[in-house]
Amino acid sequence: MSVIHLKPIRANRVFAGFIVLLALLIQYNTVLAQESCGMQAFIDADSQYANTQESGTVFKKSWTLRNDGRCAWPRALALVLVSGDRMSGPSRMPLASVGPGKTLEITIDLQAPQKAGQYTGVWQLEAEGVRFGPSLRVGIAVLDRPATLVNPIPPNDHFPGTADGFTAPPPEIVTQYAEVATLILPGEYGNSQVVCEEGQATGGGWSLSYNYDGARVHHSVPFNNGWSVSAFNYDDEPATLYAFVRCLKNVQSVVFSVLEMVPAVNNNLSSHVTLCPAGSILTGGGISMLPNVGMLMWSNGSSPILNGWFGGVNNLDDVPHDLVVHAVCLLDPVVTRDKIVNDIQVSPSTPFLFSPGLGTVSCPDGSLASSGGVGTGSSNFYITIPLANGEGWMNLVANESEIDLTMSVTVNCLTFP
């Protein structure tokens, strides 16, 4: 019988090869683990703050973020300003790293700008040159000082009195339309704007030439004491767009707008209510979709139970977008508001049988219609305008679903003492 003897040098080579293979496997598994970790963050808590500020006011904003990944965040973690207004906040702020499942509280000091207007800042986490996690947004409205009231009425003692028939005119709300229609060519965007010549803007809306596959409104928002509406024409024929604004005259009240931005979840419905601050009442509002491609409006009206404006969209894309909801608010402690609703059934429309749903609603005697809105499902809202006498609201929609829908037509009614 012959015996085979391994030489020591060959055994050493086998062992060395095994060590090299083991090292490669460890390195490979490490790379896989790093790739599977990812950097994930989720908003666990979002502090409330006053979204209406006086100029120069210092305020705080806080978020609590949770590490939803499988690994600790890198040590070189920071909060960075991504876009918008810094409002004296940090452009870059170092943060402590936390492990998976742990939370991190972030607080930043901000200051409202001196100039009246609307301001929005967006921050996000960044590590190793990569931004991740949700967009952390702050939106405020800086109000004009009372000295800059629009169209103020002199005190009563400045009037000669009723003996000679001279009295202060009563509060009034009128509709002002854009002077000319905006022509929107097929496959293009169009914008229509209008401002109040007298008084203060309390709300607005639009009128579209309508076909079943016509233009679709993506933005209807306050604009420089007026209203701005943008639409995209999906049809192969030109469309026309008119914006209008409701103007409140003969009052000393202050009208201002507030906006808030929230993520619109991909492949899902998203909604948000922007509230008017305490001491003010809602008069109107609107929404913006950013970007508008892949987004459909399904609600644009006052909140059913809250003192704010409700906006809803359907994000048809595979990536998240943004929904901006605007509320127009009136600062006047003696004015009261009623919300009147009328629900109607709307049958489905088809390219061969256009069956628009028409709904109207009226304010009680003695009150003024400041704005209106509409809420339903898969519909395109072609017209949302005041009634001919201005005492109510009218909406015209096309039901783009395959079932009957309920359209809620709403109107905000203001009563002055």
Protein backbone atom coordinates (compact mmCIF):
# COMPACT_ATOMS: atom_id res chain seq x y z
CA MET A 1 0.00 0.00 0.00
CA SER A 2 1.35 3.42 -0.90
CA VAL A 3 0.93 6.41 1.35
CA ILE A 4 0.55 9.94 -0.02
CA HIS A 5 2.27 12.61 2.03
CA LEU A 6 1.18 16.27 1.53
CA LYS A 7 4.04 18.62 1.47
CA PRO A 8 3.85 21.41 4.01
CA ILE A 9 4.13 24.09 1.35
CA ARG A 10 1.02 22.76 -0.47
CA ALA A 11 -0.97 22.68 2.81
CA ASN A 12 0.06 26.26 3.47
CA ARG A 13 -1.19 27.27 0.03
CA VAL A 14 -4.55 25.61 0.63
CA PHE A 15 -4.89 27.36 3.97
CA ALA A 16 -3.85 30.70 2.48
CA GLY A 17 -6.40 30.32 -0.31
CA PHE A 18 -9.09 29.58 2.24
CA ILE A 19 -8.20 32.74 4.15
CA VAL A 20 -8.36 34.85 0.98
CA LEU A 21 -11.74 33.36 0.04
CA LEU A 22 -13.06 34.01 3.54
CA ALA A 23 -11.88 37.63 3.39
CA LEU A 24 -13.59 38.12 0.03
CA LEU A 25 -16.84 36.67 1.42
CA ILE A 26 -16.67 38.98 4.45
CA GLN A 27 -16.03 42.01 2.22
CA TYR A 28 -18.87 40.99 -0.12
CA ASN A 29 -21.29 40.56 2.79
CA THR A 30 -20.22 43.92 4.20
CA VAL A 31 -20.96 45.63 0.89
CA LEU A 32 -24.34 43.91 0.71
CA ALA A 33 -25.15 44.99 4.26
CA GLN A 34 -24.18 48.58 3.48
CA GLU A 35 -26.30 48.58 0.35
CA SER A 36 -29.30 47.09 2.18
CA CYS A 37 -29.06 49.60 5.05
CA GLY A 38 -30.11 52.68 3.17
CA MET A 39 -30.79 56.01 4.90
CA GLN A 40 -34.43 56.31 5.82
CA ALA A 41 -36.29 58.82 7.97
CA PHE A 42 -39.89 59.29 8.99
CA ILE A 43 -41.63 62.24 10.70
CA ASP A 44 -42.65 60.89 14.10
CA ALA A 45 -43.94 64.26 15.41
CA ASP A 46 -44.45 67.71 13.90
CA SER A 47 -44.85 70.65 16.28
CA GLN A 48 -47.57 73.21 15.68
CA TYR A 49 -46.68 76.85 15.16
CA ALA A 50 -48.56 80.02 14.22
CA ASN A 51 -48.63 80.13 10.42
CA THR A 52 -49.48 83.84 10.54
CA GLN A 53 -46.73 86.03 12.00
CA GLU A 54 -46.14 89.70 12.57
CA SER A 55 -43.09 91.09 10.78
CA GLY A 56 -39.85 90.45 12.68
CA THR A 57 -41.38 87.90 15.07
CA VAL A 58 -39.00 85.16 16.25
CA PHE A 59 -40.53 81.68 16.49
CA LYS A 60 -39.47 78.04 16.72
CA LYS A 61 -40.22 75.01 14.58
CA SER A 62 -39.57 71.42 15.71
CA TRP A 63 -39.74 67.97 14.17
CA THR A 64 -39.10 64.53 15.65
CA LEU A 65 -37.61 62.17 13.06
CA ARG A 66 -37.35 58.40 13.39
CA ASN A 67 -34.63 56.29 11.79
CA ASP A 68 -36.64 53.74 9.78
CA GLY A 69 -33.57 52.13 8.25
CA ARG A 70 -31.59 49.07 9.31
CA CYS A 71 -28.39 50.95 10.17
CA ALA A 72 -27.37 54.04 12.11
CA TRP A 73 -27.32 57.31 10.21
CA PRO A 74 -23.79 58.47 9.26
CA ARG A 75 -21.97 60.66 11.77
CA ALA A 76 -21.64 63.49 9.25
CA LEU A 77 -25.38 64.20 9.51
CA ALA A 78 -26.81 67.69 8.97
CA LEU A 79 -30.04 69.58 8.36
CA VAL A 80 -29.72 71.64 5.16
CA LEU A 81 -31.90 74.26 3.50
CA VAL A 82 -33.13 72.77 0.23
CA SER A 83 -35.24 75.59 -1.22
CA GLY A 84 -37.37 78.59 -0.41
CA ASP A 85 -36.97 81.29 2.23
CA ARG A 86 -34.45 80.80 5.04
CA MET A 87 -36.30 83.18 7.40
CA SER A 88 -33.03 83.68 9.35
CA GLY A 89 -32.90 79.93 9.95
CA PRO A 90 -29.86 77.68 9.43
CA SER A 91 -28.65 76.94 5.92
CA ARG A 92 -26.78 73.97 7.41
CA MET A 93 -26.99 72.61 10.99
CA PRO A 94 -24.96 69.58 12.22
CA LEU A 95 -27.01 66.82 13.87
CA ALA A 96 -26.27 63.82 16.05
CA SER A 97 -26.53 60.37 14.51
CA VAL A 98 -29.12 57.91 15.87
CA GLY A 99 -29.45 54.17 15.45
CA PRO A 100 -32.24 52.23 13.74
CA GLY A 101 -35.62 52.67 15.40
CA LYS A 102 -34.39 55.67 17.42
CA THR A 103 -35.74 59.24 17.19
CA LEU A 104 -34.05 62.61 16.85
CA GLU A 105 -35.67 65.93 17.78
CA ILE A 106 -34.74 68.91 15.62
CA THR A 107 -35.55 72.51 16.58
CA ILE A 108 -34.69 75.58 14.53
CA ASP A 109 -35.11 79.28 15.36
CA LEU A 110 -36.76 81.35 12.64
CA GLN A 111 -37.72 84.99 12.19
CA ALA A 112 -40.56 86.37 10.09
CA PRO A 113 -39.34 88.79 7.37
CA GLN A 114 -40.10 92.48 7.71
CA LYS A 115 -41.99 92.70 4.42
CA ALA A 116 -45.59 91.46 4.23
CA GLY A 117 -46.12 88.38 2.07
CA GLN A 118 -46.05 84.59 2.01
CA TYR A 119 -42.84 82.70 2.77
CA THR A 120 -41.98 79.01 2.60
CA GLY A 121 -38.73 77.26 3.53
CA VAL A 122 -37.86 73.60 2.96
CA TRP A 123 -35.18 71.69 4.90
CA GLN A 124 -34.00 68.07 4.61
CA LEU A 125 -31.50 65.65 6.15
CA GLU A 126 -28.15 65.23 4.40
CA ALA A 127 -25.29 62.79 5.02
CA GLU A 128 -22.21 62.10 2.93
CA GLY A 129 -23.51 64.38 0.20
CA VAL A 130 -26.86 62.55 -0.09
CA ARG A 131 -30.18 64.09 0.91
CA PHE A 132 -32.78 61.73 2.30
CA GLY A 133 -35.96 61.59 4.30
CA PRO A 134 -39.08 63.77 4.10
CA SER A 135 -39.12 67.44 3.17
CA LEU A 136 -39.42 69.54 6.35
CA ARG A 137 -41.50 72.57 5.45
CA VAL A 138 -42.31 75.84 7.15
CA GLY A 139 -44.88 78.20 5.61
CA ILE A 140 -45.96 81.54 7.08
CA ALA A 141 -47.89 84.63 6.07
CA VAL A 142 -46.53 88.00 7.24
CA LEU A 143 -49.37 90.51 7.55
CA ASP A 144 -49.47 94.19 6.72
CA ARG A 145 -49.63 96.55 9.66
CA PRO A 146 -53.09 98.03 10.41
CA ALA A 147 -51.83 101.35 9.04
CA THR A 148 -51.87 99.82 5.56
CA LEU A 149 -55.52 98.75 5.60
CA VAL A 150 -57.08 98.49 2.17
CA ASN A 151 -59.98 100.87 1.53
CA PRO A 152 -60.55 101.95 5.17
CA ILE A 153 -63.75 103.77 6.21
CA PRO A 154 -63.33 106.98 8.28
CA PRO A 155 -64.78 106.84 11.80
CA ASN A 156 -68.47 107.71 12.04
CA ASP A 157 -67.77 110.99 13.80
CA HIS A 158 -66.10 112.21 10.60
CA PHE A 159 -69.41 112.04 8.77
CA PRO A 160 -71.80 115.00 8.86
CA GLY A 161 -74.55 112.61 10.00
CA THR A 162 -77.77 111.35 8.54
CA ALA A 163 -79.52 114.71 8.58
CA ASP A 164 -78.16 115.62 5.15
CA GLY A 165 -78.45 112.06 3.85
CA PHE A 166 -74.70 111.25 3.94
CA THR A 167 -73.99 107.87 5.55
CA ALA A 168 -71.24 105.26 5.34
CA PRO A 169 -71.86 102.79 2.48
CA PRO A 170 -72.71 99.24 3.61
CA PRO A 171 -70.30 96.32 3.10
CA GLU A 172 -70.46 94.92 -0.43
CA ILE A 173 -68.88 92.02 -2.33
CA VAL A 174 -68.55 92.29 -6.11
CA THR A 175 -67.10 90.01 -8.80
CA GLN A 176 -64.34 91.20 -11.07
CA TYR A 177 -63.38 89.11 -14.12
CA ALA A 178 -60.22 89.16 -16.20
CA GLU A 179 -60.66 91.68 -19.01
CA VAL A 180 -59.91 89.17 -21.77
CA ALA A 181 -59.96 85.39 -22.01
CA THR A 182 -56.70 83.47 -21.99
CA LEU A 183 -56.42 81.25 -25.08
CA ILE A 184 -54.77 77.90 -24.30
CA LEU A 185 -53.52 75.99 -27.34
CA PRO A 186 -53.56 72.16 -27.39
CA GLY A 187 -50.83 70.67 -25.22
CA GLU A 188 -49.94 74.01 -23.60
CA TYR A 189 -50.42 75.87 -20.32
CA GLY A 190 -52.34 79.09 -19.80
CA ASN A 191 -52.70 81.54 -16.93
CA SER A 192 -55.37 84.14 -16.16
CA GLN A 193 -55.04 86.79 -13.45
CA VAL A 194 -57.22 89.59 -12.12
CA VAL A 195 -56.93 92.02 -9.17
CA CYS A 196 -59.53 93.96 -7.20
CA GLU A 197 -59.79 97.56 -8.36
CA GLU A 198 -61.57 98.35 -5.09
CA GLY A 199 -61.68 96.46 -1.81
CA GLN A 200 -59.94 93.25 -0.76
CA ALA A 201 -59.89 89.81 -2.39
CA THR A 202 -61.89 87.25 -0.40
CA GLY A 203 -61.83 84.37 -2.91
CA GLY A 204 -61.83 83.50 -6.58
CA GLY A 205 -62.33 80.88 -9.24
CA TRP A 206 -62.51 80.26 -12.97
CA SER A 207 -64.54 79.56 -16.05
CA LEU A 208 -63.24 77.14 -18.71
CA SER A 209 -64.57 76.36 -22.13
CA TYR A 210 -65.50 72.74 -21.65
CA ASN A 211 -65.19 69.58 -23.69
CA TYR A 212 -65.00 66.08 -22.25
CA ASP A 213 -61.21 65.98 -22.64
CA GLY A 214 -60.66 69.73 -22.41
CA ALA A 215 -58.48 71.90 -20.20
CA ARG A 216 -57.92 71.11 -16.54
CA VAL A 217 -57.17 73.62 -13.77
CA HIS A 218 -54.06 72.93 -11.68
CA HIS A 219 -53.65 76.18 -9.73
CA SER A 220 -56.29 78.51 -8.26
CA VAL A 221 -54.67 80.78 -5.67
CA PRO A 222 -54.64 84.31 -4.15
CA PHE A 223 -52.41 86.75 -6.01
CA ASN A 224 -51.59 90.40 -5.21
CA ASN A 225 -55.05 91.30 -3.86
CA GLY A 226 -56.56 89.29 -6.67
CA TRP A 227 -56.71 85.78 -8.07
CA SER A 228 -54.55 83.66 -10.37
CA VAL A 229 -55.66 80.50 -12.23
CA SER A 230 -53.52 78.19 -14.37
CA ALA A 231 -54.69 75.31 -16.57
CA PHE A 232 -53.32 72.78 -19.06
CA ASN A 233 -55.17 71.96 -22.27
CA TYR A 234 -55.31 68.19 -22.82
CA ASP A 235 -57.64 68.49 -25.81
CA ASP A 236 -56.74 68.81 -29.50
CA GLU A 237 -58.79 72.03 -29.76
CA PRO A 238 -57.98 75.45 -28.22
CA ALA A 239 -59.58 76.27 -24.87
CA THR A 240 -60.32 79.55 -23.09
CA LEU A 241 -59.85 80.44 -19.44
CA TYR A 242 -61.24 83.31 -17.36
CA ALA A 243 -60.15 84.01 -13.79
CA PHE A 244 -62.31 86.05 -11.44
CA VAL A 245 -61.96 87.47 -7.94
CA ARG A 246 -64.52 88.37 -5.25
CA CYS A 247 -63.80 91.83 -3.78
CA LEU A 248 -65.02 93.00 -0.36
CA LYS A 249 -65.65 96.77 -0.26
CA ASN A 250 -66.51 99.38 2.38
CA VAL A 251 -65.01 97.65 5.43
CA GLN A 252 -62.14 98.28 7.82
CA SER A 253 -61.42 94.57 8.20
CA VAL A 254 -58.09 93.03 7.20
CA VAL A 255 -58.05 90.21 4.64
CA PHE A 256 -54.94 88.05 4.39
CA SER A 257 -53.97 84.62 3.08
CA VAL A 258 -52.21 81.63 4.65
CA LEU A 259 -50.66 78.65 2.86
CA GLU A 260 -49.34 75.25 3.86
CA MET A 261 -47.54 72.63 1.76
CA VAL A 262 -47.82 68.88 2.31
CA PRO A 263 -46.58 65.84 0.35
CA ALA A 264 -49.05 64.27 -2.08
CA VAL A 265 -48.56 60.52 -1.75
CA ASN A 266 -47.78 58.67 -4.97
CA ASN A 267 -50.60 56.60 -6.47
CA ASN A 268 -53.06 57.75 -3.82
CA LEU A 269 -55.48 60.47 -2.70
CA SER A 270 -54.06 63.25 -0.52
CA SER A 271 -55.80 66.11 1.24
CA HIS A 272 -55.07 68.90 3.70
CA VAL A 273 -56.87 71.69 5.58
CA THR A 274 -55.13 75.06 6.01
CA LEU A 275 -56.67 76.78 9.03
CA CYS A 276 -57.26 80.49 9.57
CA PRO A 277 -55.61 81.78 12.77
CA ALA A 278 -57.65 82.26 15.93
CA GLY A 279 -59.63 85.49 15.84
CA SER A 280 -60.16 85.40 12.08
CA ILE A 281 -62.71 83.67 9.85
CA LEU A 282 -62.41 81.90 6.51
CA THR A 283 -63.64 83.71 3.41
CA GLY A 284 -62.16 81.57 0.62
CA GLY A 285 -59.17 79.62 -0.58
CA GLY A 286 -57.57 77.58 -3.33
CA ILE A 287 -54.95 74.95 -4.14
CA SER A 288 -51.75 74.47 -6.11
CA MET A 289 -50.32 71.19 -7.38
CA LEU A 290 -46.52 70.98 -7.68
CA PRO A 291 -45.74 69.82 -10.25
CA ASN A 292 -49.14 69.62 -11.90
CA VAL A 293 -48.32 66.78 -14.29
CA GLY A 294 -49.84 63.56 -12.98
CA MET A 295 -52.07 65.33 -10.45
CA LEU A 296 -55.87 65.57 -10.50
CA MET A 297 -57.99 67.85 -8.31
CA TRP A 298 -60.92 66.19 -6.53
CA SER A 299 -61.87 68.76 -3.91
CA ASN A 300 -61.43 72.51 -3.52
CA GLY A 301 -63.62 74.13 -0.88
CA SER A 302 -64.11 75.16 2.73
CA SER A 303 -63.63 72.52 5.41
CA PRO A 304 -66.84 70.79 6.52
CA ILE A 305 -66.14 71.32 10.24
CA LEU A 306 -63.01 73.50 10.55
CA ASN A 307 -62.33 77.19 10.00
CA GLY A 308 -60.11 76.52 7.00
CA TRP A 309 -59.85 75.56 3.34
CA PHE A 310 -59.84 71.92 2.25
CA GLY A 311 -57.88 70.78 -0.80
CA GLY A 312 -57.73 67.26 -2.21
CA VAL A 313 -55.77 65.77 -5.12
CA ASN A 314 -55.17 62.38 -6.68
CA ASN A 315 -51.50 61.72 -7.46
CA LEU A 316 -51.40 59.35 -10.44
CA ASP A 317 -47.59 59.23 -10.56
CA ASP A 318 -45.22 56.72 -8.99
CA VAL A 319 -43.37 59.50 -7.15
CA PRO A 320 -44.65 61.92 -4.49
CA HIS A 321 -45.60 65.48 -5.42
CA ASP A 322 -46.68 68.48 -3.32
CA LEU A 323 -50.09 69.89 -2.50
CA VAL A 324 -50.29 73.56 -1.47
CA VAL A 325 -53.55 74.64 0.20
CA HIS A 326 -54.32 78.37 0.53
CA ALA A 327 -56.80 79.88 2.99
CA VAL A 328 -58.07 83.47 2.74
CA CYS A 329 -58.96 84.85 6.17
CA LEU A 330 -60.81 87.91 7.44
CA LEU A 331 -59.71 89.61 10.66
CA ASP A 332 -62.95 91.08 12.00
CA PRO A 333 -64.42 90.00 15.36
CA VAL A 334 -67.98 91.10 14.55
CA VAL A 335 -68.43 89.24 11.25
CA THR A 336 -70.01 85.78 11.27
CA ARG A 337 -69.70 83.06 8.61
CA ASP A 338 -72.09 80.35 7.51
CA LYS A 339 -71.21 77.51 5.18
CA ILE A 340 -74.13 76.38 3.03
CA VAL A 341 -73.94 73.03 1.19
CA ASN A 342 -76.04 71.54 -1.58
CA ASP A 343 -75.45 67.92 -2.65
CA ILE A 344 -76.50 66.78 -6.13
CA GLN A 345 -76.06 63.57 -8.13
CA VAL A 346 -73.87 63.68 -11.23
CA SER A 347 -74.11 60.94 -13.86
CA PRO A 348 -71.01 59.63 -15.68
CA SER A 349 -69.92 61.46 -18.83
CA THR A 350 -68.52 59.81 -21.94
CA PRO A 351 -66.85 61.17 -25.07
CA PHE A 352 -70.13 60.47 -26.89
CA LEU A 353 -72.51 61.76 -24.23
CA PHE A 354 -71.30 64.80 -22.32
CA SER A 355 -73.51 64.98 -19.24
CA PRO A 356 -72.30 67.86 -17.06
CA GLY A 357 -73.42 68.16 -13.49
CA LEU A 358 -74.72 71.60 -12.58
CA GLY A 359 -75.09 72.57 -8.93
CA THR A 360 -76.00 75.83 -7.23
CA VAL A 361 -76.33 77.04 -3.64
CA SER A 362 -77.49 80.37 -2.19
CA CYS A 363 -76.71 82.43 0.90
CA PRO A 364 -79.46 83.49 3.35
CA ASP A 365 -80.95 86.95 2.99
CA GLY A 366 -78.77 89.64 4.47
CA SER A 367 -75.44 87.81 4.00
CA LEU A 368 -72.76 88.11 1.31
CA ALA A 369 -71.22 85.25 -0.71
CA SER A 370 -67.46 85.64 -0.30
CA SER A 371 -66.44 82.48 -2.19
CA GLY A 372 -67.50 78.95 -3.05
CA GLY A 373 -66.13 75.51 -3.64
CA VAL A 374 -66.82 72.00 -4.81
CA GLY A 375 -66.03 68.49 -3.63
CA THR A 376 -66.58 65.19 -5.44
CA GLY A 377 -64.65 62.24 -6.85
CA SER A 378 -63.26 61.70 -10.36
CA SER A 379 -64.44 64.92 -11.93
CA ASN A 380 -63.10 67.83 -13.91
CA PHE A 381 -64.40 71.14 -12.55
CA TYR A 382 -65.06 73.37 -15.55
CA ILE A 383 -66.82 76.29 -13.93
CA THR A 384 -66.86 77.54 -10.34
CA ILE A 385 -68.39 81.03 -10.23
CA PRO A 386 -70.87 83.16 -8.26
CA LEU A 387 -74.53 83.15 -9.26
CA ALA A 388 -75.66 85.99 -11.48
CA ASN A 389 -76.88 88.04 -8.52
CA GLY A 390 -73.73 87.28 -6.49
CA GLU A 391 -75.75 85.81 -3.61
CA GLY A 392 -74.64 82.22 -4.09
CA TRP A 393 -72.39 79.85 -6.02
CA MET A 394 -72.52 77.64 -9.11
CA ASN A 395 -70.36 74.70 -10.18
CA LEU A 396 -70.27 72.74 -13.41
CA VAL A 397 -68.40 69.42 -13.54
CA ALA A 398 -67.92 66.41 -15.78
CA ASN A 399 -68.08 63.05 -14.02
CA GLU A 400 -65.11 61.10 -15.38
CA SER A 401 -65.83 57.95 -13.39
CA GLU A 402 -68.12 55.07 -14.34
CA ILE A 403 -70.59 55.51 -11.47
CA ASP A 404 -72.89 58.23 -10.18
CA LEU A 405 -71.15 60.71 -7.88
CA THR A 406 -72.37 63.18 -5.30
CA MET A 407 -71.15 66.73 -5.89
CA SER A 408 -71.14 69.00 -2.85
CA VAL A 409 -71.50 72.65 -3.86
CA THR A 410 -70.51 75.01 -1.05
CA VAL A 411 -70.66 78.75 -0.45
CA ASN A 412 -69.21 80.92 2.33
CA CYS A 413 -71.71 83.52 3.54
CA LEU A 414 -70.56 86.55 5.58
CA THR A 415 -72.96 88.50 7.79
CA PHE A 416 -71.99 92.00 8.91
CA PRO A 417 -73.78 93.67 11.84
